PDB file of all heavy atoms in Angstrom:
ATOM      1  N   GLU A   1      45.085  94.810  97.295  1.00  0.00           N
ATOM      2  CA  GLU A   1      45.679  94.131  96.147  1.00  0.00           C
ATOM      3  C   GLU A   1      46.574  95.021  95.270  1.00  0.00           C
ATOM      4  O   GLU A   1      47.266  94.523  94.389  1.00  0.00           O
ATOM      5  CB  GLU A   1      44.601  93.495  95.291  1.00  0.00           C
ATOM      6  CG  GLU A   1      43.660  94.476  94.583  1.00  0.00           C
ATOM      7  CD  GLU A   1      42.423  94.805  95.363  1.00  0.00           C
ATOM      8  OE1 GLU A   1      42.435  94.510  96.650  1.00  0.00           O
ATOM      9  OE2 GLU A   1      41.419  95.293  94.797  1.00  0.00           O
ATOM     10  N   GLU A   2      46.580  96.333  95.548  1.00  0.00           N
ATOM     11  CA  GLU A   2      47.416  97.231  94.733  1.00  0.00           C
ATOM     12  C   GLU A   2      48.855  97.372  95.242  1.00  0.00           C
ATOM     13  O   GLU A   2      49.649  98.016  94.598  1.00  0.00           O
ATOM     14  CB  GLU A   2      46.748  98.579  94.661  1.00  0.00           C
ATOM     15  CG  GLU A   2      45.433  98.624  93.851  1.00  0.00           C
ATOM     16  CD  GLU A   2      44.901 100.042  93.699  1.00  0.00           C
ATOM     17  OE1 GLU A   2      45.495 100.975  94.217  1.00  0.00           O
ATOM     18  OE2 GLU A   2      43.875 100.159  93.049  1.00  0.00           O
ATOM     19  N   ILE A   3      49.137  96.868  96.493  1.00  0.00           N
ATOM     20  CA  ILE A   3      50.408  97.200  97.091  1.00  0.00           C
ATOM     21  C   ILE A   3      51.111  95.893  97.534  1.00  0.00           C
ATOM     22  O   ILE A   3      50.480  94.878  97.791  1.00  0.00           O
ATOM     23  CB  ILE A   3      50.274  98.118  98.287  1.00  0.00           C
ATOM     24  CG1 ILE A   3      49.333  97.533  99.350  1.00  0.00           C
ATOM     25  CG2 ILE A   3      49.789  99.496  97.849  1.00  0.00           C
ATOM     26  CD1 ILE A   3      49.264  98.364 100.603  1.00  0.00           C
ATOM     27  N   SER A   4      52.435  95.938  97.592  1.00  0.00           N
ATOM     28  CA  SER A   4      53.206  94.889  98.246  1.00  0.00           C
ATOM     29  C   SER A   4      53.801  95.373  99.547  1.00  0.00           C
ATOM     30  O   SER A   4      53.730  94.647 100.569  1.00  0.00           O
ATOM     31  CB  SER A   4      54.330  94.486  97.292  1.00  0.00           C
ATOM     32  OG  SER A   4      55.136  95.587  96.942  1.00  0.00           O
ATOM     33  N   ASP A   5      54.293  96.585  99.560  1.00  0.00           N
ATOM     34  CA  ASP A   5      54.750  97.230 100.797  1.00  0.00           C
ATOM     35  C   ASP A   5      55.029  98.694 100.484  1.00  0.00           C
ATOM     36  O   ASP A   5      54.852  99.094  99.371  1.00  0.00           O
ATOM     37  CB  ASP A   5      55.998  96.560 101.380  1.00  0.00           C
ATOM     38  CG  ASP A   5      57.126  96.484 100.322  1.00  0.00           C
ATOM     39  OD1 ASP A   5      57.097  97.251  99.381  1.00  0.00           O
ATOM     40  OD2 ASP A   5      57.979  95.617 100.486  1.00  0.00           O
ATOM     41  N   SER A   6      55.387  99.480 101.517  1.00  0.00           N
ATOM     42  CA  SER A   6      55.711 100.893 101.294  1.00  0.00           C
ATOM     43  C   SER A   6      57.114 100.995 100.721  1.00  0.00           C
ATOM     44  O   SER A   6      58.021 100.374 101.209  1.00  0.00           O
ATOM     45  CB  SER A   6      55.645 101.666 102.627  1.00  0.00           C
ATOM     46  OG  SER A   6      55.902 103.014 102.408  1.00  0.00           O
ATOM     47  N   HIS A   7      57.272 101.764  99.613  1.00  0.00           N
ATOM     48  CA  HIS A   7      58.538 101.826  98.987  1.00  0.00           C
ATOM     49  C   HIS A   7      58.734 103.126  98.215  1.00  0.00           C
ATOM     50  O   HIS A   7      57.777 103.820  97.863  1.00  0.00           O
ATOM     51  CB  HIS A   7      58.746 100.648  98.008  1.00  0.00           C
ATOM     52  CG  HIS A   7      57.689 100.587  96.937  1.00  0.00           C
ATOM     53  ND1 HIS A   7      57.752 101.410  95.839  1.00  0.00           N
ATOM     54  CD2 HIS A   7      56.615  99.815  96.729  1.00  0.00           C
ATOM     55  CE1 HIS A   7      56.713 101.204  95.005  1.00  0.00           C
ATOM     56  NE2 HIS A   7      56.039 100.230  95.548  1.00  0.00           N
ATOM     57  N   THR A   8      59.952 103.412  97.897  1.00  0.00           N
ATOM     58  CA  THR A   8      60.326 104.525  97.014  1.00  0.00           C
ATOM     59  C   THR A   8      60.226 104.043  95.561  1.00  0.00           C
ATOM     60  O   THR A   8      59.819 102.890  95.356  1.00  0.00           O
ATOM     61  CB  THR A   8      61.722 105.035  97.307  1.00  0.00           C
ATOM     62  OG1 THR A   8      62.670 104.030  97.189  1.00  0.00           O
ATOM     63  CG2 THR A   8      61.780 105.569  98.745  1.00  0.00           C
ATOM     64  N   THR A   9      60.633 104.857  94.596  1.00  0.00           N
ATOM     65  CA  THR A   9      60.641 104.429  93.208  1.00  0.00           C
ATOM     66  C   THR A   9      61.517 103.240  93.060  1.00  0.00           C
ATOM     67  O   THR A   9      62.655 103.171  93.551  1.00  0.00           O
ATOM     68  CB  THR A   9      61.167 105.537  92.328  1.00  0.00           C
ATOM     69  OG1 THR A   9      60.264 106.696  92.437  1.00  0.00           O
ATOM     70  CG2 THR A   9      61.177 105.121  90.841  1.00  0.00           C
ATOM     71  N   GLN A  10      60.998 102.141  92.375  1.00  0.00           N
ATOM     72  CA  GLN A  10      61.750 100.933  92.185  1.00  0.00           C
ATOM     73  C   GLN A  10      61.891 100.663  90.668  1.00  0.00           C
ATOM     74  O   GLN A  10      60.910 100.631  89.966  1.00  0.00           O
ATOM     75  CB  GLN A  10      61.038  99.753  92.834  1.00  0.00           C
ATOM     76  CG  GLN A  10      60.981  99.819  94.340  1.00  0.00           C
ATOM     77  CD  GLN A  10      60.432  98.555  94.955  1.00  0.00           C
ATOM     78  OE1 GLN A  10      59.604  97.845  94.362  1.00  0.00           O
ATOM     79  NE2 GLN A  10      60.761  98.265  96.186  1.00  0.00           N
ATOM     80  N   PHE A  11      63.139 100.496  90.293  1.00  0.00           N
ATOM     81  CA  PHE A  11      63.425 100.253  88.849  1.00  0.00           C
ATOM     82  C   PHE A  11      63.374  98.749  88.544  1.00  0.00           C
ATOM     83  O   PHE A  11      63.651  97.934  89.415  1.00  0.00           O
ATOM     84  CB  PHE A  11      64.730 100.904  88.417  1.00  0.00           C
ATOM     85  CG  PHE A  11      64.697 102.362  88.360  1.00  0.00           C
ATOM     86  CD1 PHE A  11      65.097 103.114  89.477  1.00  0.00           C
ATOM     87  CD2 PHE A  11      64.197 103.026  87.273  1.00  0.00           C
ATOM     88  CE1 PHE A  11      65.061 104.522  89.444  1.00  0.00           C
ATOM     89  CE2 PHE A  11      64.148 104.400  87.204  1.00  0.00           C
ATOM     90  CZ  PHE A  11      64.573 105.157  88.318  1.00  0.00           C
ATOM     91  N   GLN A  12      63.094  98.459  87.306  1.00  0.00           N
ATOM     92  CA  GLN A  12      62.884  97.077  86.843  1.00  0.00           C
ATOM     93  C   GLN A  12      64.128  96.219  87.183  1.00  0.00           C
ATOM     94  O   GLN A  12      64.018  95.121  87.639  1.00  0.00           O
ATOM     95  CB  GLN A  12      62.629  97.086  85.342  1.00  0.00           C
ATOM     96  CG  GLN A  12      62.541  95.679  84.724  1.00  0.00           C
ATOM     97  CD  GLN A  12      62.724  95.734  83.199  1.00  0.00           C
ATOM     98  OE1 GLN A  12      63.221  96.724  82.709  1.00  0.00           O
ATOM     99  NE2 GLN A  12      62.278  94.729  82.524  1.00  0.00           N
ATOM    100  N   ALA A  13      65.303  96.766  86.905  1.00  0.00           N
ATOM    101  CA  ALA A  13      66.548  95.985  87.128  1.00  0.00           C
ATOM    102  C   ALA A  13      66.721  95.624  88.624  1.00  0.00           C
ATOM    103  O   ALA A  13      67.090  94.488  88.940  1.00  0.00           O
ATOM    104  CB  ALA A  13      67.759  96.761  86.677  1.00  0.00           C
ATOM    105  N   ASP A  14      66.344  96.526  89.531  1.00  0.00           N
ATOM    106  CA  ASP A  14      66.459  96.235  90.960  1.00  0.00           C
ATOM    107  C   ASP A  14      65.459  95.139  91.338  1.00  0.00           C
ATOM    108  O   ASP A  14      65.789  94.248  92.143  1.00  0.00           O
ATOM    109  CB  ASP A  14      66.186  97.529  91.752  1.00  0.00           C
ATOM    110  CG  ASP A  14      67.190  98.588  91.509  1.00  0.00           C
ATOM    111  OD1 ASP A  14      68.356  98.244  91.192  1.00  0.00           O
ATOM    112  OD2 ASP A  14      66.855  99.773  91.580  1.00  0.00           O
ATOM    113  N   ILE A  15      64.248  95.250  90.824  1.00  0.00           N
ATOM    114  CA  ILE A  15      63.212  94.236  91.155  1.00  0.00           C
ATOM    115  C   ILE A  15      63.597  92.876  90.620  1.00  0.00           C
ATOM    116  O   ILE A  15      63.473  91.861  91.268  1.00  0.00           O
ATOM    117  CB  ILE A  15      61.857  94.680  90.592  1.00  0.00           C
ATOM    118  CG1 ILE A  15      61.407  95.971  91.318  1.00  0.00           C
ATOM    119  CG2 ILE A  15      60.787  93.608  90.747  1.00  0.00           C
ATOM    120  CD1 ILE A  15      60.228  96.699  90.655  1.00  0.00           C
ATOM    121  N   ASN A  16      64.103  92.815  89.403  1.00  0.00           N
ATOM    122  CA  ASN A  16      64.553  91.560  88.782  1.00  0.00           C
ATOM    123  C   ASN A  16      65.672  90.933  89.632  1.00  0.00           C
ATOM    124  O   ASN A  16      65.754  89.697  89.801  1.00  0.00           O
ATOM    125  CB  ASN A  16      65.020  91.748  87.360  1.00  0.00           C
ATOM    126  CG  ASN A  16      63.825  92.021  86.431  1.00  0.00           C
ATOM    127  OD1 ASN A  16      62.671  91.784  86.812  1.00  0.00           O
ATOM    128  ND2 ASN A  16      64.098  92.489  85.227  1.00  0.00           N
ATOM    129  N   GLU A  17      66.580  91.759  90.114  1.00  0.00           N
ATOM    130  CA  GLU A  17      67.703  91.316  90.957  1.00  0.00           C
ATOM    131  C   GLU A  17      67.202  90.725  92.249  1.00  0.00           C
ATOM    132  O   GLU A  17      67.706  89.680  92.727  1.00  0.00           O
ATOM    133  CB  GLU A  17      68.696  92.489  91.203  1.00  0.00           C
ATOM    134  CG  GLU A  17      69.947  92.068  91.955  1.00  0.00           C
ATOM    135  CD  GLU A  17      70.768  91.053  91.151  1.00  0.00           C
ATOM    136  OE1 GLU A  17      70.739  91.114  89.879  1.00  0.00           O
ATOM    137  OE2 GLU A  17      71.485  90.219  91.790  1.00  0.00           O
ATOM    138  N   GLN A  18      66.177  91.380  92.841  1.00  0.00           N
ATOM    139  CA  GLN A  18      65.588  90.829  94.070  1.00  0.00           C
ATOM    140  C   GLN A  18      64.977  89.491  93.808  1.00  0.00           C
ATOM    141  O   GLN A  18      65.085  88.577  94.637  1.00  0.00           O
ATOM    142  CB  GLN A  18      64.533  91.846  94.627  1.00  0.00           C
ATOM    143  CG  GLN A  18      65.116  93.125  95.130  1.00  0.00           C
ATOM    144  CD  GLN A  18      64.034  94.166  95.439  1.00  0.00           C
ATOM    145  OE1 GLN A  18      62.849  93.824  95.505  1.00  0.00           O
ATOM    146  NE2 GLN A  18      64.432  95.387  95.599  1.00  0.00           N
ATOM    147  N   LEU A  19      64.275  89.343  92.697  1.00  0.00           N
ATOM    148  CA  LEU A  19      63.676  88.039  92.382  1.00  0.00           C
ATOM    149  C   LEU A  19      64.672  86.978  92.191  1.00  0.00           C
ATOM    150  O   LEU A  19      64.498  85.783  92.600  1.00  0.00           O
ATOM    151  CB  LEU A  19      62.787  88.216  91.085  1.00  0.00           C
ATOM    152  CG  LEU A  19      61.531  89.018  91.229  1.00  0.00           C
ATOM    153  CD1 LEU A  19      60.859  89.224  89.868  1.00  0.00           C
ATOM    154  CD2 LEU A  19      60.548  88.381  92.174  1.00  0.00           C
ATOM    155  N   LYS A  20      65.816  87.278  91.518  1.00  0.00           N
ATOM    156  CA  LYS A  20      66.887  86.341  91.325  1.00  0.00           C
ATOM    157  C   LYS A  20      67.456  85.863  92.665  1.00  0.00           C
ATOM    158  O   LYS A  20      67.724  84.682  92.819  1.00  0.00           O
ATOM    159  CB  LYS A  20      68.009  86.987  90.495  1.00  0.00           C
ATOM    160  CG  LYS A  20      67.669  87.116  89.028  1.00  0.00           C
ATOM    161  CD  LYS A  20      68.820  87.756  88.269  1.00  0.00           C
ATOM    162  CE  LYS A  20      68.479  88.002  86.803  1.00  0.00           C
ATOM    163  NZ  LYS A  20      69.579  88.673  86.099  1.00  0.00           N
ATOM    164  N   LYS A  21      67.641  86.778  93.603  1.00  0.00           N
ATOM    165  CA  LYS A  21      68.151  86.398  94.934  1.00  0.00           C
ATOM    166  C   LYS A  21      67.230  85.512  95.658  1.00  0.00           C
ATOM    167  O   LYS A  21      67.609  84.540  96.279  1.00  0.00           O
ATOM    168  CB  LYS A  21      68.423  87.703  95.763  1.00  0.00           C
ATOM    169  CG  LYS A  21      69.599  88.499  95.298  1.00  0.00           C
ATOM    170  CD  LYS A  21      69.815  89.711  96.169  1.00  0.00           C
ATOM    171  CE  LYS A  21      70.997  90.553  95.638  1.00  0.00           C
ATOM    172  NZ  LYS A  21      71.177  91.783  96.489  1.00  0.00           N
ATOM    173  N   LYS A  22      65.916  85.806  95.570  1.00  0.00           N
ATOM    174  CA  LYS A  22      64.912  84.929  96.217  1.00  0.00           C
ATOM    175  C   LYS A  22      64.941  83.508  95.587  1.00  0.00           C
ATOM    176  O   LYS A  22      64.882  82.507  96.277  1.00  0.00           O
ATOM    177  CB  LYS A  22      63.496  85.540  96.090  1.00  0.00           C
ATOM    178  CG  LYS A  22      63.296  86.748  96.962  1.00  0.00           C
ATOM    179  CD  LYS A  22      61.877  87.282  96.782  1.00  0.00           C
ATOM    180  CE  LYS A  22      61.659  88.547  97.649  1.00  0.00           C
ATOM    181  NZ  LYS A  22      60.310  89.085  97.485  1.00  0.00           N
ATOM    182  N   GLN A  23      64.989  83.480  94.231  1.00  0.00           N
ATOM    183  CA  GLN A  23      65.014  82.202  93.567  1.00  0.00           C
ATOM    184  C   GLN A  23      66.269  81.451  93.898  1.00  0.00           C
ATOM    185  O   GLN A  23      66.243  80.192  94.059  1.00  0.00           O
ATOM    186  CB  GLN A  23      64.918  82.420  92.060  1.00  0.00           C
ATOM    187  CG  GLN A  23      63.587  82.935  91.613  1.00  0.00           C
ATOM    188  CD  GLN A  23      63.606  83.391  90.158  1.00  0.00           C
ATOM    189  OE1 GLN A  23      64.598  83.444  89.519  1.00  0.00           O
ATOM    190  NE2 GLN A  23      62.417  83.755  89.654  1.00  0.00           N
ATOM    191  N   SER A  24      67.395  82.128  94.050  1.00  0.00           N
ATOM    192  CA  SER A  24      68.715  81.533  94.373  1.00  0.00           C
ATOM    193  C   SER A  24      68.610  80.899  95.770  1.00  0.00           C
ATOM    194  O   SER A  24      69.123  79.838  96.014  1.00  0.00           O
ATOM    195  CB  SER A  24      69.811  82.582  94.339  1.00  0.00           C
ATOM    196  OG  SER A  24      71.020  81.998  94.750  1.00  0.00           O
ATOM    197  N   LYS A  25      67.963  81.608  96.733  1.00  0.00           N
ATOM    198  CA  LYS A  25      67.797  81.047  98.092  1.00  0.00           C
ATOM    199  C   LYS A  25      66.942  79.797  98.060  1.00  0.00           C
ATOM    200  O   LYS A  25      67.298  78.803  98.736  1.00  0.00           O
ATOM    201  CB  LYS A  25      67.182  82.085  99.004  1.00  0.00           C
ATOM    202  CG  LYS A  25      68.114  83.253  99.340  1.00  0.00           C
ATOM    203  CD  LYS A  25      67.386  84.216 100.301  1.00  0.00           C
ATOM    204  CE  LYS A  25      68.302  85.361 100.680  1.00  0.00           C
ATOM    205  NZ  LYS A  25      67.639  86.350 101.549  1.00  0.00           N
ATOM    206  N   VAL A  26      65.853  79.810  97.313  1.00  0.00           N
ATOM    207  CA  VAL A  26      65.010  78.626  97.235  1.00  0.00           C
ATOM    208  C   VAL A  26      65.789  77.473  96.594  1.00  0.00           C
ATOM    209  O   VAL A  26      65.752  76.324  97.085  1.00  0.00           O
ATOM    210  CB  VAL A  26      63.758  78.953  96.392  1.00  0.00           C
ATOM    211  CG1 VAL A  26      62.949  77.699  96.125  1.00  0.00           C
ATOM    212  CG2 VAL A  26      62.905  79.936  97.110  1.00  0.00           C
ATOM    213  N   THR A  27      66.524  77.722  95.523  1.00  0.00           N
ATOM    214  CA  THR A  27      67.286  76.724  94.841  1.00  0.00           C
ATOM    215  C   THR A  27      68.348  76.136  95.801  1.00  0.00           C
ATOM    216  O   THR A  27      68.596  74.913  95.848  1.00  0.00           O
ATOM    217  CB  THR A  27      68.000  77.277  93.613  1.00  0.00           C
ATOM    218  OG1 THR A  27      66.993  77.811  92.734  1.00  0.00           O
ATOM    219  CG2 THR A  27      68.739  76.202  92.865  1.00  0.00           C
ATOM    220  N   GLY A  28      68.999  77.026  96.555  1.00  0.00           N
ATOM    221  CA  GLY A  28      70.021  76.576  97.529  1.00  0.00           C
ATOM    222  C   GLY A  28      69.448  75.648  98.542  1.00  0.00           C
ATOM    223  O   GLY A  28      70.066  74.644  98.947  1.00  0.00           O
ATOM    224  N   LYS A  29      68.243  75.960  99.039  1.00  0.00           N
ATOM    225  CA  LYS A  29      67.585  75.076 100.005  1.00  0.00           C
ATOM    226  C   LYS A  29      67.293  73.732  99.458  1.00  0.00           C
ATOM    227  O   LYS A  29      67.446  72.696 100.095  1.00  0.00           O
ATOM    228  CB  LYS A  29      66.298  75.764 100.497  1.00  0.00           C
ATOM    229  CG  LYS A  29      66.510  76.956 101.450  1.00  0.00           C
ATOM    230  CD  LYS A  29      65.187  77.490 101.871  1.00  0.00           C
ATOM    231  CE  LYS A  29      65.408  78.719 102.784  1.00  0.00           C
ATOM    232  NZ  LYS A  29      64.089  79.356 103.200  1.00  0.00           N
ATOM    233  N   ASN A  30      66.814  73.706  98.197  1.00  0.00           N
ATOM    234  CA  ASN A  30      66.511  72.456  97.543  1.00  0.00           C
ATOM    235  C   ASN A  30      67.757  71.568  97.374  1.00  0.00           C
ATOM    236  O   ASN A  30      67.632  70.376  97.530  1.00  0.00           O
ATOM    237  CB  ASN A  30      65.839  72.716  96.157  1.00  0.00           C
ATOM    238  CG  ASN A  30      64.453  73.312  96.313  1.00  0.00           C
ATOM    239  OD1 ASN A  30      63.832  73.152  97.326  1.00  0.00           O
ATOM    240  ND2 ASN A  30      63.972  73.949  95.243  1.00  0.00           N
ATOM    241  N   VAL A  31      68.837  72.223  96.987  1.00  0.00           N
ATOM    242  CA  VAL A  31      70.105  71.467  96.829  1.00  0.00           C
ATOM    243  C   VAL A  31      70.548  70.903  98.136  1.00  0.00           C
ATOM    244  O   VAL A  31      70.986  69.734  98.214  1.00  0.00           O
ATOM    245  CB  VAL A  31      71.199  72.354  96.193  1.00  0.00           C
ATOM    246  CG1 VAL A  31      72.543  71.674  96.241  1.00  0.00           C
ATOM    247  CG2 VAL A  31      70.832  72.761  94.783  1.00  0.00           C
ATOM    248  N   PHE A  32      70.464  71.703  99.206  1.00  0.00           N
ATOM    249  CA  PHE A  32      70.852  71.212 100.533  1.00  0.00           C
ATOM    250  C   PHE A  32      70.025  70.018 101.008  1.00  0.00           C
ATOM    251  O   PHE A  32      70.563  69.070 101.512  1.00  0.00           O
ATOM    252  CB  PHE A  32      70.693  72.369 101.515  1.00  0.00           C
ATOM    253  CG  PHE A  32      71.108  72.023 102.923  1.00  0.00           C
ATOM    254  CD1 PHE A  32      72.460  71.849 103.275  1.00  0.00           C
ATOM    255  CD2 PHE A  32      70.141  71.867 103.936  1.00  0.00           C
ATOM    256  CE1 PHE A  32      72.832  71.490 104.554  1.00  0.00           C
ATOM    257  CE2 PHE A  32      70.535  71.561 105.196  1.00  0.00           C
ATOM    258  CZ  PHE A  32      71.888  71.344 105.529  1.00  0.00           C
TER     259      PHE A  32
END
């Protein structure tokens, strides 16, 4: 429960950007 995957240092801005891209893909599927 402490890990998501193996990674180097991840900054907040990068993680937030990844979340936005995932949400955008989900939204795009819903619109389609």
